[in-house]
């Protein structure tokens, strides 16, 4: 459904679209989950490998992995005693990559962007 389709849809369809997007953004709303998604962009990893890349505790990592798994962002499989995690949705990774890249550009002070085109809130610059 493109932008015009959302704008032209009835209120019930619009509500469903916006509810789904808000749910996805809520799942992606913590830095650690974005770091997990980034770490898994190059292939599956177990919890130990993720902990080597991301500074957090094992219980905290497991909680975030569980949230991402339940939301359908991650898949998992057992390999011996280890559970390996992978991205289930390349589109989610693409979305995260695009937003993070744009924010990084803005944080570097790209003055070519007009204020109305920026993603960063005013206070975050």
PDB file of N, CA and C in Angstrom:
ATOM      1  N   UNK A   1       0.848  -1.162   0.000  1.00  0.00           N
ATOM      2  CA  UNK A   1       0.000   0.000   0.000  1.00  0.00           C
ATOM      3  C   UNK A   1       0.902   1.235   0.000  1.00  0.00           C
ATOM      4  N   UNK A   2       0.749   2.084  -1.019  1.00  0.00           N
ATOM      5  CA  UNK A   2       1.581   3.281  -1.078  1.00  0.00           C
ATOM      6  C   UNK A   2       0.943   4.425  -0.300  1.00  0.00           C
ATOM      7  N   UNK A   3       1.647   5.562  -0.255  1.00  0.00           N
ATOM      8  CA  UNK A   3       1.172   6.705   0.539  1.00  0.00           C
ATOM      9  C   UNK A   3      -0.220   7.144   0.122  1.00  0.00           C
ATOM     10  N   UNK A   4      -0.457   7.223  -1.184  1.00  0.00           N
ATOM     11  CA  UNK A   4      -1.784   7.635  -1.650  1.00  0.00           C
ATOM     12  C   UNK A   4      -2.835   6.623  -1.249  1.00  0.00           C
ATOM     13  N   UNK A   5      -2.464   5.344  -1.274  1.00  0.00           N
ATOM     14  CA  UNK A   5      -3.422   4.310  -0.886  1.00  0.00           C
ATOM     15  C   UNK A   5      -3.786   4.436   0.583  1.00  0.00           C
ATOM     16  N   UNK A   6      -2.791   4.744   1.445  1.00  0.00           N
ATOM     17  CA  UNK A   6      -3.074   4.922   2.872  1.00  0.00           C
ATOM     18  C   UNK A   6      -3.953   6.143   3.076  1.00  0.00           C
ATOM     19  N   UNK A   7      -3.588   7.252   2.413  1.00  0.00           N
ATOM     20  CA  UNK A   7      -4.353   8.488   2.578  1.00  0.00           C
ATOM     21  C   UNK A   7      -5.777   8.332   2.060  1.00  0.00           C
ATOM     22  N   UNK A   8      -5.961   7.528   1.016  1.00  0.00           N
ATOM     23  CA  UNK A   8      -7.282   7.357   0.428  1.00  0.00           C
ATOM     24  C   UNK A   8      -8.085   6.209   1.018  1.00  0.00           C
ATOM     25  N   UNK A   9      -7.488   5.449   1.908  1.00  0.00           N
ATOM     26  CA  UNK A   9      -8.169   4.298   2.494  1.00  0.00           C
ATOM     27  C   UNK A   9      -9.187   4.756   3.528  1.00  0.00           C
ATOM     28  N   UNK A  10     -10.114   3.877   3.806  1.00  0.00           N
ATOM     29  CA  UNK A  10     -11.093   4.239   4.837  1.00  0.00           C
ATOM     30  C   UNK A  10     -10.421   4.261   6.204  1.00  0.00           C
ATOM     31  N   UNK A  11     -11.092   4.837   7.169  1.00  0.00           N
ATOM     32  CA  UNK A  11     -10.510   5.043   8.497  1.00  0.00           C
ATOM     33  C   UNK A  11     -10.087   3.740   9.146  1.00  0.00           C
ATOM     34  N   UNK A  12     -10.814   2.680   8.929  1.00  0.00           N
ATOM     35  CA  UNK A  12     -10.476   1.393   9.540  1.00  0.00           C
ATOM     36  C   UNK A  12      -9.158   0.851   8.999  1.00  0.00           C
ATOM     37  N   UNK A  13      -8.974   0.962   7.693  1.00  0.00           N
ATOM     38  CA  UNK A  13      -7.720   0.509   7.069  1.00  0.00           C
ATOM     39  C   UNK A  13      -6.567   1.392   7.524  1.00  0.00           C
ATOM     40  N   UNK A  14      -6.767   2.706   7.543  1.00  0.00           N
ATOM     41  CA  UNK A  14      -5.725   3.618   8.016  1.00  0.00           C
ATOM     42  C   UNK A  14      -5.331   3.292   9.452  1.00  0.00           C
ATOM     43  N   UNK A  15      -6.326   3.070  10.296  1.00  0.00           N
ATOM     44  CA  UNK A  15      -6.037   2.732  11.686  1.00  0.00           C
ATOM     45  C   UNK A  15      -5.203   1.463  11.791  1.00  0.00           C
ATOM     46  N   UNK A  16      -5.539   0.459  10.991  1.00  0.00           N
ATOM     47  CA  UNK A  16      -4.793  -0.803  11.019  1.00  0.00           C
ATOM     48  C   UNK A  16      -3.348  -0.592  10.568  1.00  0.00           C
ATOM     49  N   UNK A  17      -3.160   0.219   9.529  1.00  0.00           N
ATOM     50  CA  UNK A  17      -1.812   0.506   9.038  1.00  0.00           C
ATOM     51  C   UNK A  17      -1.012   1.233  10.110  1.00  0.00           C
ATOM     52  N   UNK A  18      -1.580   2.291  10.665  1.00  0.00           N
ATOM     53  CA  UNK A  18      -0.855   3.077  11.662  1.00  0.00           C
ATOM     54  C   UNK A  18      -0.602   2.275  12.935  1.00  0.00           C
ATOM     55  N   UNK A  19      -1.536   1.424  13.325  1.00  0.00           N
ATOM     56  CA  UNK A  19      -1.329   0.557  14.490  1.00  0.00           C
ATOM     57  C   UNK A  19      -0.166  -0.400  14.252  1.00  0.00           C
ATOM     58  N   UNK A  20      -0.111  -0.977  13.062  1.00  0.00           N
ATOM     59  CA  UNK A  20       0.971  -1.917  12.736  1.00  0.00           C
ATOM     60  C   UNK A  20       2.326  -1.223  12.716  1.00  0.00           C
ATOM     61  N   UNK A  21       2.377  -0.039  12.133  1.00  0.00           N
ATOM     62  CA  UNK A  21       3.637   0.708  12.081  1.00  0.00           C
ATOM     63  C   UNK A  21       4.068   1.112  13.485  1.00  0.00           C
ATOM     64  N   UNK A  22       3.129   1.564  14.305  1.00  0.00           N
ATOM     65  CA  UNK A  22       3.463   1.942  15.683  1.00  0.00           C
ATOM     66  C   UNK A  22       3.990   0.741  16.459  1.00  0.00           C
ATOM     67  N   UNK A  23       3.408  -0.431  16.227  1.00  0.00           N
ATOM     68  CA  UNK A  23       3.882  -1.643  16.890  1.00  0.00           C
ATOM     69  C   UNK A  23       5.311  -1.975  16.457  1.00  0.00           C
ATOM     70  N   UNK A  24       5.591  -1.857  15.161  1.00  0.00           N
ATOM     71  CA  UNK A  24       6.951  -2.104  14.669  1.00  0.00           C
ATOM     72  C   UNK A  24       7.929  -1.103  15.270  1.00  0.00           C
ATOM     73  N   UNK A  25       7.566   0.179  15.268  1.00  0.00           N
ATOM     74  CA  UNK A  25       8.459   1.185  15.842  1.00  0.00           C
ATOM     75  C   UNK A  25       8.668   0.954  17.330  1.00  0.00           C
ATOM     76  N   UNK A  26       7.661   0.482  18.037  1.00  0.00           N
ATOM     77  CA  UNK A  26       7.822   0.182  19.466  1.00  0.00           C
ATOM     78  C   UNK A  26       8.840  -0.938  19.662  1.00  0.00           C
ATOM     79  N   UNK A  27       8.792  -1.945  18.812  1.00  0.00           N
ATOM     80  CA  UNK A  27       9.757  -3.050  18.901  1.00  0.00           C
ATOM     81  C   UNK A  27      11.168  -2.548  18.620  1.00  0.00           C
ATOM     82  N   UNK A  28      11.294  -1.574  17.737  1.00  0.00           N
ATOM     83  CA  UNK A  28      12.604  -1.058  17.339  1.00  0.00           C
ATOM     84  C   UNK A  28      13.047   0.143  18.174  1.00  0.00           C
ATOM     85  N   UNK A  29      12.327   0.450  19.239  1.00  0.00           N
ATOM     86  CA  UNK A  29      12.521   1.717  19.945  1.00  0.00           C
ATOM     87  C   UNK A  29      13.668   1.739  20.955  1.00  0.00           C
ATOM     88  N   UNK A  30      14.409   0.674  21.093  1.00  0.00           N
ATOM     89  CA  UNK A  30      15.523   0.701  22.042  1.00  0.00           C
ATOM     90  C   UNK A  30      16.845   0.525  21.294  1.00  0.00           C
ATOM     91  N   UNK A  31      17.859   1.259  21.715  1.00  0.00           N
ATOM     92  CA  UNK A  31      19.157   1.167  21.031  1.00  0.00           C
ATOM     93  C   UNK A  31      19.711  -0.254  20.995  1.00  0.00           C
ATOM     94  N   UNK A  32      19.527  -1.016  22.043  1.00  0.00           N
ATOM     95  CA  UNK A  32      20.097  -2.375  22.052  1.00  0.00           C
ATOM     96  C   UNK A  32      19.465  -3.245  20.966  1.00  0.00           C
ATOM     97  N   UNK A  33      18.181  -3.076  20.728  1.00  0.00           N
ATOM     98  CA  UNK A  33      17.528  -3.874  19.671  1.00  0.00           C
ATOM     99  C   UNK A  33      18.047  -3.466  18.305  1.00  0.00           C
ATOM    100  N   UNK A  34      18.297  -2.187  18.109  1.00  0.00           N
ATOM    101  CA  UNK A  34      18.890  -1.738  16.845  1.00  0.00           C
ATOM    102  C   UNK A  34      20.298  -2.303  16.681  1.00  0.00           C
ATOM    103  N   UNK A  35      21.041  -2.357  17.775  1.00  0.00           N
ATOM    104  CA  UNK A  35      22.383  -2.948  17.728  1.00  0.00           C
ATOM    105  C   UNK A  35      22.313  -4.435  17.397  1.00  0.00           C
ATOM    106  N   UNK A  36      21.348  -5.139  17.952  1.00  0.00           N
ATOM    107  CA  UNK A  36      21.175  -6.566  17.661  1.00  0.00           C
ATOM    108  C   UNK A  36      20.877  -6.761  16.176  1.00  0.00           C
ATOM    109  N   UNK A  37      19.956  -5.963  15.652  1.00  0.00           N
ATOM    110  CA  UNK A  37      19.612  -6.066  14.232  1.00  0.00           C
ATOM    111  C   UNK A  37      20.845  -5.794  13.382  1.00  0.00           C
ATOM    112  N   UNK A  38      21.600  -4.767  13.734  1.00  0.00           N
ATOM    113  CA  UNK A  38      22.819  -4.452  12.988  1.00  0.00           C
ATOM    114  C   UNK A  38      23.818  -5.606  13.050  1.00  0.00           C
ATOM    115  N   UNK A  39      23.980  -6.185  14.234  1.00  0.00           N
ATOM    116  CA  UNK A  39      24.938  -7.291  14.400  1.00  0.00           C
ATOM    117  C   UNK A  39      24.535  -8.519  13.594  1.00  0.00           C
ATOM    118  N   UNK A  40      23.250  -8.692  13.364  1.00  0.00           N
ATOM    119  CA  UNK A  40      22.777  -9.881  12.641  1.00  0.00           C
ATOM    120  C   UNK A  40      22.640  -9.649  11.138  1.00  0.00           C
ATOM    121  N   UNK A  41      22.963  -8.452  10.675  1.00  0.00           N
ATOM    122  CA  UNK A  41      22.861  -8.169   9.236  1.00  0.00           C
ATOM    123  C   UNK A  41      23.789  -9.042   8.400  1.00  0.00           C
ATOM    124  N   UNK A  42      24.891  -9.489   8.996  1.00  0.00           N
ATOM    125  CA  UNK A  42      25.861 -10.285   8.240  1.00  0.00           C
ATOM    126  C   UNK A  42      25.755 -11.779   8.516  1.00  0.00           C
ATOM    127  N   UNK A  43      24.661 -12.193   9.115  1.00  0.00           N
ATOM    128  CA  UNK A  43      24.471 -13.613   9.351  1.00  0.00           C
ATOM    129  C   UNK A  43      24.103 -13.923  10.785  1.00  0.00           C
ATOM    130  N   UNK A  44      23.716 -15.164  10.995  1.00  0.00           N
ATOM    131  CA  UNK A  44      23.232 -15.554  12.314  1.00  0.00           C
ATOM    132  C   UNK A  44      24.364 -15.649  13.332  1.00  0.00           C
ATOM    133  N   UNK A  45      23.978 -15.463  14.593  1.00  0.00           N
ATOM    134  CA  UNK A  45      24.934 -15.508  15.696  1.00  0.00           C
ATOM    135  C   UNK A  45      24.246 -16.068  16.925  1.00  0.00           C
ATOM    136  N   UNK A  46      25.057 -16.604  17.836  1.00  0.00           N
ATOM    137  CA  UNK A  46      24.517 -17.046  19.115  1.00  0.00           C
ATOM    138  C   UNK A  46      24.645 -15.906  20.130  1.00  0.00           C
ATOM    139  N   UNK A  47      24.103 -16.110  21.320  1.00  0.00           N
ATOM    140  CA  UNK A  47      24.087 -15.067  22.336  1.00  0.00           C
ATOM    141  C   UNK A  47      25.505 -14.638  22.700  1.00  0.00           C
ATOM    142  N   UNK A  48      26.429 -15.595  22.841  1.00  0.00           N
ATOM    143  CA  UNK A  48      27.809 -15.249  23.188  1.00  0.00           C
ATOM    144  C   UNK A  48      28.446 -14.336  22.144  1.00  0.00           C
ATOM    145  N   UNK A  49      28.215 -14.629  20.888  1.00  0.00           N
ATOM    146  CA  UNK A  49      28.759 -13.793  19.820  1.00  0.00           C
ATOM    147  C   UNK A  49      28.156 -12.387  19.865  1.00  0.00           C
ATOM    148  N   UNK A  50      26.868 -12.318  20.134  1.00  0.00           N
ATOM    149  CA  UNK A  50      26.219 -11.011  20.239  1.00  0.00           C
ATOM    150  C   UNK A  50      26.756 -10.229  21.434  1.00  0.00           C
ATOM    151  N   UNK A  51      26.984 -10.922  22.545  1.00  0.00           N
ATOM    152  CA  UNK A  51      27.517 -10.257  23.734  1.00  0.00           C
ATOM    153  C   UNK A  51      28.940  -9.757  23.513  1.00  0.00           C
ATOM    154  N   UNK A  52      29.698 -10.413  22.631  1.00  0.00           N
ATOM    155  CA  UNK A  52      31.041  -9.936  22.290  1.00  0.00           C
ATOM    156  C   UNK A  52      30.980  -8.596  21.558  1.00  0.00           C
ATOM    157  N   UNK A  53      29.881  -8.346  20.842  1.00  0.00           N
ATOM    158  CA  UNK A  53      29.737  -7.128  20.046  1.00  0.00           C
ATOM    159  C   UNK A  53      28.949  -6.027  20.750  1.00  0.00           C
ATOM    160  N   UNK A  54      28.072  -6.417  21.671  1.00  0.00           N
ATOM    161  CA  UNK A  54      27.149  -5.462  22.282  1.00  0.00           C
ATOM    162  C   UNK A  54      27.352  -5.478  23.785  1.00  0.00           C
ATOM    163  N   UNK A  55      27.613  -4.320  24.347  1.00  0.00           N
ATOM    164  CA  UNK A  55      27.894  -4.185  25.770  1.00  0.00           C
ATOM    165  C   UNK A  55      26.595  -4.194  26.580  1.00  0.00           C
ATOM    166  N   UNK A  56      26.232  -5.368  27.069  1.00  0.00           N
ATOM    167  CA  UNK A  56      25.074  -5.533  27.932  1.00  0.00           C
ATOM    168  C   UNK A  56      25.232  -6.830  28.699  1.00  0.00           C
ATOM    169  N   UNK A  57      24.307  -7.092  29.587  1.00  0.00           N
ATOM    170  CA  UNK A  57      24.343  -8.343  30.347  1.00  0.00           C
ATOM    171  C   UNK A  57      23.633  -9.439  29.570  1.00  0.00           C
ATOM    172  N   UNK A  58      23.932 -10.682  29.918  1.00  0.00           N
ATOM    173  CA  UNK A  58      23.278 -11.813  29.258  1.00  0.00           C
ATOM    174  C   UNK A  58      21.770 -11.795  29.481  1.00  0.00           C
ATOM    175  N   UNK A  59      21.270 -11.540  30.714  1.00  0.00           N
ATOM    176  CA  UNK A  59      19.814 -11.502  30.886  1.00  0.00           C
ATOM    177  C   UNK A  59      19.145 -10.400  30.062  1.00  0.00           C
ATOM    178  N   UNK A  60      19.782  -9.238  29.989  1.00  0.00           N
ATOM    179  CA  UNK A  60      19.221  -8.144  29.198  1.00  0.00           C
ATOM    180  C   UNK A  60      19.205  -8.509  27.714  1.00  0.00           C
ATOM    181  N   UNK A  61      20.289  -9.090  27.231  1.00  0.00           N
ATOM    182  CA  UNK A  61      20.362  -9.525  25.835  1.00  0.00           C
ATOM    183  C   UNK A  61      19.248 -10.527  25.536  1.00  0.00           C
ATOM    184  N   UNK A  62      19.077 -11.501  26.413  1.00  0.00           N
ATOM    185  CA  UNK A  62      18.057 -12.525  26.202  1.00  0.00           C
ATOM    186  C   UNK A  62      16.657 -11.926  26.159  1.00  0.00           C
ATOM    187  N   UNK A  63      16.409 -10.946  27.007  1.00  0.00           N
ATOM    188  CA  UNK A  63      15.095 -10.293  27.023  1.00  0.00           C
ATOM    189  C   UNK A  63      14.831  -9.592  25.688  1.00  0.00           C
ATOM    190  N   UNK A  64      15.814  -8.870  25.185  1.00  0.00           N
ATOM    191  CA  UNK A  64      15.633  -8.161  23.911  1.00  0.00           C
ATOM    192  C   UNK A  64      15.529  -9.133  22.743  1.00  0.00           C
ATOM    193  N   UNK A  65      16.316 -10.201  22.762  1.00  0.00           N
ATOM    194  CA  UNK A  65      16.209 -11.214  21.708  1.00  0.00           C
ATOM    195  C   UNK A  65      14.816 -11.839  21.705  1.00  0.00           C
ATOM    196  N   UNK A  66      14.297 -12.102  22.874  1.00  0.00           N
ATOM    197  CA  UNK A  66      12.959 -12.674  22.991  1.00  0.00           C
ATOM    198  C   UNK A  66      11.900 -11.728  22.423  1.00  0.00           C
ATOM    199  N   UNK A  67      12.014 -10.456  22.732  1.00  0.00           N
ATOM    200  CA  UNK A  67      11.058  -9.472  22.212  1.00  0.00           C
ATOM    201  C   UNK A  67      11.114  -9.421  20.688  1.00  0.00           C
ATOM    202  N   UNK A  68      12.311  -9.372  20.137  1.00  0.00           N
ATOM    203  CA  UNK A  68      12.463  -9.336  18.682  1.00  0.00           C
ATOM    204  C   UNK A  68      11.964 -10.623  18.033  1.00  0.00           C
ATOM    205  N   UNK A  69      12.184 -11.747  18.686  1.00  0.00           N
ATOM    206  CA  UNK A  69      11.715 -13.036  18.172  1.00  0.00           C
ATOM    207  C   UNK A  69      10.184 -13.087  18.173  1.00  0.00           C
ATOM    208  N   UNK A  70       9.575 -12.710  19.291  1.00  0.00           N
ATOM    209  CA  UNK A  70       8.106 -12.739  19.392  1.00  0.00           C
ATOM    210  C   UNK A  70       7.451 -11.804  18.373  1.00  0.00           C
ATOM    211  N   UNK A  71       8.140 -10.726  18.045  1.00  0.00           N
ATOM    212  CA  UNK A  71       7.607  -9.772  17.070  1.00  0.00           C
ATOM    213  C   UNK A  71       7.801 -10.243  15.626  1.00  0.00           C
ATOM    214  N   UNK A  72       8.573 -11.311  15.432  1.00  0.00           N
ATOM    215  CA  UNK A  72       8.798 -11.830  14.088  1.00  0.00           C
ATOM    216  C   UNK A  72       9.961 -11.181  13.362  1.00  0.00           C
ATOM    217  N   UNK A  73      10.714 -10.329  14.064  1.00  0.00           N
ATOM    218  CA  UNK A  73      11.876  -9.684  13.444  1.00  0.00           C
ATOM    219  C   UNK A  73      13.029 -10.671  13.347  1.00  0.00           C
ATOM    220  N   UNK A  74      13.178 -11.523  14.357  1.00  0.00           N
ATOM    221  CA  UNK A  74      14.250 -12.519  14.376  1.00  0.00           C
ATOM    222  C   UNK A  74      13.683 -13.923  14.281  1.00  0.00           C
ATOM    223  N   UNK A  75      14.498 -14.805  13.720  1.00  0.00           N
ATOM    224  CA  UNK A  75      14.239 -16.234  13.763  1.00  0.00           C
ATOM    225  C   UNK A  75      15.335 -16.869  14.596  1.00  0.00           C
ATOM    226  N   UNK A  76      15.129 -18.106  14.979  1.00  0.00           N
ATOM    227  CA  UNK A  76      16.158 -18.788  15.764  1.00  0.00           C
ATOM    228  C   UNK A  76      16.126 -20.268  15.454  1.00  0.00           C
ATOM    229  N   UNK A  77      17.280 -20.901  15.704  1.00  0.00           N
ATOM    230  CA  UNK A  77      17.374 -22.348  15.543  1.00  0.00           C
ATOM    231  C   UNK A  77      18.376 -22.864  16.559  1.00  0.00           C
ATOM    232  N   UNK A  78      18.158 -24.080  16.963  1.00  0.00           N
ATOM    233  CA  UNK A  78      19.055 -24.708  17.932  1.00  0.00           C
ATOM    234  C   UNK A  78      20.175 -25.409  17.178  1.00  0.00           C
ATOM    235  N   UNK A  79      21.393 -25.211  17.672  1.00  0.00           N
ATOM    236  CA  UNK A  79      22.562 -25.900  17.143  1.00  0.00           C
ATOM    237  C   UNK A  79      23.312 -26.456  18.349  1.00  0.00           C
ATOM    238  N   UNK A  80      23.078 -27.721  18.660  1.00  0.00           N
ATOM    239  CA  UNK A  80      23.648 -28.314  19.871  1.00  0.00           C
ATOM    240  C   UNK A  80      23.029 -27.667  21.084  1.00  0.00           C
ATOM    241  N   UNK A  81      23.859 -27.096  21.936  1.00  0.00           N
ATOM    242  CA  UNK A  81      23.340 -26.427  23.134  1.00  0.00           C
ATOM    243  C   UNK A  81      23.120 -24.934  22.906  1.00  0.00           C
ATOM    244  N   UNK A  82      23.504 -24.438  21.741  1.00  0.00           N
ATOM    245  CA  UNK A  82      23.389 -23.011  21.435  1.00  0.00           C
ATOM    246  C   UNK A  82      22.126 -22.722  20.631  1.00  0.00           C
ATOM    247  N   UNK A  83      21.599 -21.537  20.835  1.00  0.00           N
ATOM    248  CA  UNK A  83      20.520 -21.042  19.977  1.00  0.00           C
ATOM    249  C   UNK A  83      21.122 -19.941  19.118  1.00  0.00           C
ATOM    250  N   UNK A  84      20.926 -20.074  17.814  1.00  0.00           N
ATOM    251  CA  UNK A  84      21.459 -19.098  16.868  1.00  0.00           C
ATOM    252  C   UNK A  84      20.304 -18.234  16.372  1.00  0.00           C
ATOM    253  N   UNK A  85      20.555 -16.927  16.341  1.00  0.00           N
ATOM    254  CA  UNK A  85      19.545 -15.954  15.913  1.00  0.00           C
ATOM    255  C   UNK A  85      19.891 -15.401  14.545  1.00  0.00           C
ATOM    256  N   UNK A  86      18.862 -15.076  13.793  1.00  0.00           N
ATOM    257  CA  UNK A  86      19.034 -14.515  12.453  1.00  0.00           C
ATOM    258  C   UNK A  86      17.891 -13.527  12.199  1.00  0.00           C
ATOM    259  N   UNK A  87      18.115 -12.648  11.248  1.00  0.00           N
ATOM    260  CA  UNK A  87      17.051 -11.732  10.834  1.00  0.00           C
ATOM    261  C   UNK A  87      16.019 -12.503  10.024  1.00  0.00           C
ATOM    262  N   UNK A  88      14.777 -12.307  10.334  1.00  0.00           N
ATOM    263  CA  UNK A  88      13.697 -12.911   9.554  1.00  0.00           C
ATOM    264  C   UNK A  88      13.236 -11.954   8.466  1.00  0.00           C
ATOM    265  N   UNK A  89      13.441 -10.676   8.693  1.00  0.00           N
ATOM    266  CA  UNK A  89      12.945  -9.669   7.769  1.00  0.00           C
ATOM    267  C   UNK A  89      14.075  -8.768   7.311  1.00  0.00           C
ATOM    268  N   UNK A  90      14.495  -8.941   6.089  1.00  0.00           N
ATOM    269  CA  UNK A  90      15.516  -8.058   5.527  1.00  0.00           C
ATOM    270  C   UNK A  90      14.970  -6.642   5.384  1.00  0.00           C
ATOM    271  N   UNK A  91      13.662  -6.522   5.222  1.00  0.00           N
ATOM    272  CA  UNK A  91      13.056  -5.183   5.108  1.00  0.00           C
ATOM    273  C   UNK A  91      13.209  -4.397   6.402  1.00  0.00           C
ATOM    274  N   UNK A  92      13.096  -5.068   7.542  1.00  0.00           N
ATOM    275  CA  UNK A  92      13.304  -4.381   8.817  1.00  0.00           C
ATOM    276  C   UNK A  92      14.750  -3.908   8.905  1.00  0.00           C
ATOM    277  N   UNK A  93      15.683  -4.746   8.503  1.00  0.00           N
ATOM    278  CA  UNK A  93      17.099  -4.357   8.510  1.00  0.00           C
ATOM    279  C   UNK A  93      17.326  -3.171   7.575  1.00  0.00           C
ATOM    280  N   UNK A  94      16.701  -3.179   6.419  1.00  0.00           N
ATOM    281  CA  UNK A  94      16.835  -2.079   5.467  1.00  0.00           C
ATOM    282  C   UNK A  94      16.273  -0.790   6.047  1.00  0.00           C
ATOM    283  N   UNK A  95      15.131  -0.872   6.696  1.00  0.00           N
ATOM    284  CA  UNK A  95      14.528   0.296   7.341  1.00  0.00           C
ATOM    285  C   UNK A  95      15.464   0.847   8.412  1.00  0.00           C
ATOM    286  N   UNK A  96      15.968  -0.004   9.276  1.00  0.00           N
ATOM    287  CA  UNK A  96      16.879   0.430  10.342  1.00  0.00           C
ATOM    288  C   UNK A  96      18.142   1.053   9.768  1.00  0.00           C
ATOM    289  N   UNK A  97      18.699   0.415   8.758  1.00  0.00           N
ATOM    290  CA  UNK A  97      19.920   0.917   8.125  1.00  0.00           C
ATOM    291  C   UNK A  97      19.686   2.303   7.528  1.00  0.00           C
ATOM    292  N   UNK A  98      18.556   2.477   6.839  1.00  0.00           N
ATOM    293  CA  UNK A  98      18.259   3.765   6.202  1.00  0.00           C
ATOM    294  C   UNK A  98      18.094   4.873   7.237  1.00  0.00           C
ATOM    295  N   UNK A  99      17.350   4.595   8.296  1.00  0.00           N
ATOM    296  CA  UNK A  99      17.121   5.613   9.315  1.00  0.00           C
ATOM    297  C   UNK A  99      18.421   5.922  10.054  1.00  0.00           C
ATOM    298  N   UNK A 100      19.170   4.897  10.445  1.00  0.00           N
ATOM    299  CA  UNK A 100      20.426   5.125  11.165  1.00  0.00           C
ATOM    300  C   UNK A 100      21.434   5.876  10.310  1.00  0.00           C
ATOM    301  N   UNK A 101      21.503   5.565   9.032  1.00  0.00           N
ATOM    302  CA  UNK A 101      22.404   6.270   8.129  1.00  0.00           C
ATOM    303  C   UNK A 101      22.012   7.741   8.013  1.00  0.00           C
ATOM    304  N   UNK A 102      20.724   8.002   7.855  1.00  0.00           N
ATOM    305  CA  UNK A 102      20.259   9.385   7.741  1.00  0.00           C
ATOM    306  C   UNK A 102      20.545  10.171   9.015  1.00  0.00           C
ATOM    307  N   UNK A 103      20.299   9.573  10.162  1.00  0.00           N
ATOM    308  CA  UNK A 103      20.564  10.246  11.438  1.00  0.00           C
ATOM    309  C   UNK A 103      22.063  10.521  11.585  1.00  0.00           C
ATOM    310  N   UNK A 104      22.900   9.566  11.192  1.00  0.00           N
ATOM    311  CA  UNK A 104      24.356   9.768  11.265  1.00  0.00           C
ATOM    312  C   UNK A 104      24.780  10.942  10.389  1.00  0.00           C
ATOM    313  N   UNK A 105      24.206  11.054   9.210  1.00  0.00           N
ATOM    314  CA  UNK A 105      24.512  12.175   8.316  1.00  0.00           C
ATOM    315  C   UNK A 105      24.120  13.486   8.983  1.00  0.00           C
ATOM    316  N   UNK A 106      22.938  13.514   9.575  1.00  0.00           N
ATOM    317  CA  UNK A 106      22.472  14.729  10.236  1.00  0.00           C
ATOM    318  C   UNK A 106      23.336  15.078  11.442  1.00  0.00           C
ATOM    319  N   UNK A 107      23.792  14.082  12.168  1.00  0.00           N
ATOM    320  CA  UNK A 107      24.623  14.337  13.338  1.00  0.00           C
ATOM    321  C   UNK A 107      25.986  14.883  12.952  1.00  0.00           C
ATOM    322  N   UNK A 108      26.424  14.576  11.729  1.00  0.00           N
ATOM    323  CA  UNK A 108      27.689  15.106  11.235  1.00  0.00           C
ATOM    324  C   UNK A 108      27.562  16.559  10.799  1.00  0.00           C
ATOM    325  N   UNK A 109      26.331  17.087  10.848  1.00  0.00           N
ATOM    326  CA  UNK A 109      26.129  18.499  10.539  1.00  0.00           C
ATOM    327  C   UNK A 109      25.911  18.798   9.076  1.00  0.00           C
ATOM    328  N   UNK A 110      25.274  17.905   8.337  1.00  0.00           N
ATOM    329  CA  UNK A 110      24.981  18.136   6.925  1.00  0.00           C
ATOM    330  C   UNK A 110      24.043  19.341   6.801  1.00  0.00           C
ATOM    331  N   UNK A 111      24.594  20.484   6.415  1.00  0.00           N
ATOM    332  CA  UNK A 111      23.802  21.706   6.348  1.00  0.00           C
ATOM    333  C   UNK A 111      22.954  21.794   5.084  1.00  0.00           C
ATOM    334  N   UNK A 112      23.105  20.865   4.173  1.00  0.00           N
ATOM    335  CA  UNK A 112      22.327  20.903   2.937  1.00  0.00           C
ATOM    336  C   UNK A 112      20.862  20.558   3.184  1.00  0.00           C
ATOM    337  N   UNK A 113      20.572  19.947   4.308  1.00  0.00           N
ATOM    338  CA  UNK A 113      19.189  19.578   4.609  1.00  0.00           C
ATOM    339  C   UNK A 113      18.449  20.737   5.252  1.00  0.00           C
ATOM    340  N   UNK A 114      17.264  20.990   4.760  1.00  0.00           N
ATOM    341  CA  UNK A 114      16.400  21.990   5.377  1.00  0.00           C
ATOM    342  C   UNK A 114      15.846  21.402   6.674  1.00  0.00           C
ATOM    343  N   UNK A 115      15.573  22.237   7.671  1.00  0.00           N
ATOM    344  CA  UNK A 115      15.065  21.728   8.953  1.00  0.00           C
ATOM    345  C   UNK A 115      13.848  20.819   8.808  1.00  0.00           C
ATOM    346  N   UNK A 116      12.970  21.104   7.883  1.00  0.00           N
ATOM    347  CA  UNK A 116      11.758  20.280   7.712  1.00  0.00           C
ATOM    348  C   UNK A 116      12.065  18.906   7.115  1.00  0.00           C
ATOM    349  N   UNK A 117      13.278  18.733   6.565  1.00  0.00           N
ATOM    350  CA  UNK A 117      13.669  17.464   5.965  1.00  0.00           C
ATOM    351  C   UNK A 117      14.414  16.548   6.933  1.00  0.00           C
ATOM    352  N   UNK A 118      14.754  17.067   8.087  1.00  0.00           N
ATOM    353  CA  UNK A 118      15.561  16.315   9.038  1.00  0.00           C
ATOM    354  C   UNK A 118      14.721  15.312   9.821  1.00  0.00           C
ATOM    355  N   UNK A 119      15.362  14.220  10.198  1.00  0.00           N
ATOM    356  CA  UNK A 119      14.724  13.228  11.055  1.00  0.00           C
ATOM    357  C   UNK A 119      14.943  13.525  12.533  1.00  0.00           C
ATOM    358  N   UNK A 120      16.092  14.093  12.843  1.00  0.00           N
ATOM    359  CA  UNK A 120      16.430  14.344  14.248  1.00  0.00           C
ATOM    360  C   UNK A 120      15.565  15.429  14.856  1.00  0.00           C
ATOM    361  N   UNK A 121      15.071  15.227  16.048  1.00  0.00           N
ATOM    362  CA  UNK A 121      14.371  16.313  16.743  1.00  0.00           C
ATOM    363  C   UNK A 121      15.360  17.454  16.987  1.00  0.00           C
ATOM    364  N   UNK A 122      14.889  18.653  17.139  1.00  0.00           N
ATOM    365  CA  UNK A 122      15.769  19.815  17.322  1.00  0.00           C
ATOM    366  C   UNK A 122      16.753  19.632  18.463  1.00  0.00           C
ATOM    367  N   UNK A 123      16.299  19.108  19.589  1.00  0.00           N
ATOM    368  CA  UNK A 123      17.159  18.952  20.753  1.00  0.00           C
ATOM    369  C   UNK A 123      18.262  17.915  20.575  1.00  0.00           C
ATOM    370  N   UNK A 124      18.168  17.061  19.584  1.00  0.00           N
ATOM    371  CA  UNK A 124      19.150  15.985  19.404  1.00  0.00           C
ATOM    372  C   UNK A 124      20.299  16.392  18.502  1.00  0.00           C
ATOM    373  N   UNK A 125      20.269  17.564  17.980  1.00  0.00           N
ATOM    374  CA  UNK A 125      21.332  18.004  17.061  1.00  0.00           C
ATOM    375  C   UNK A 125      22.506  18.562  17.789  1.00  0.00           C
TER     376      UNK A 125
END
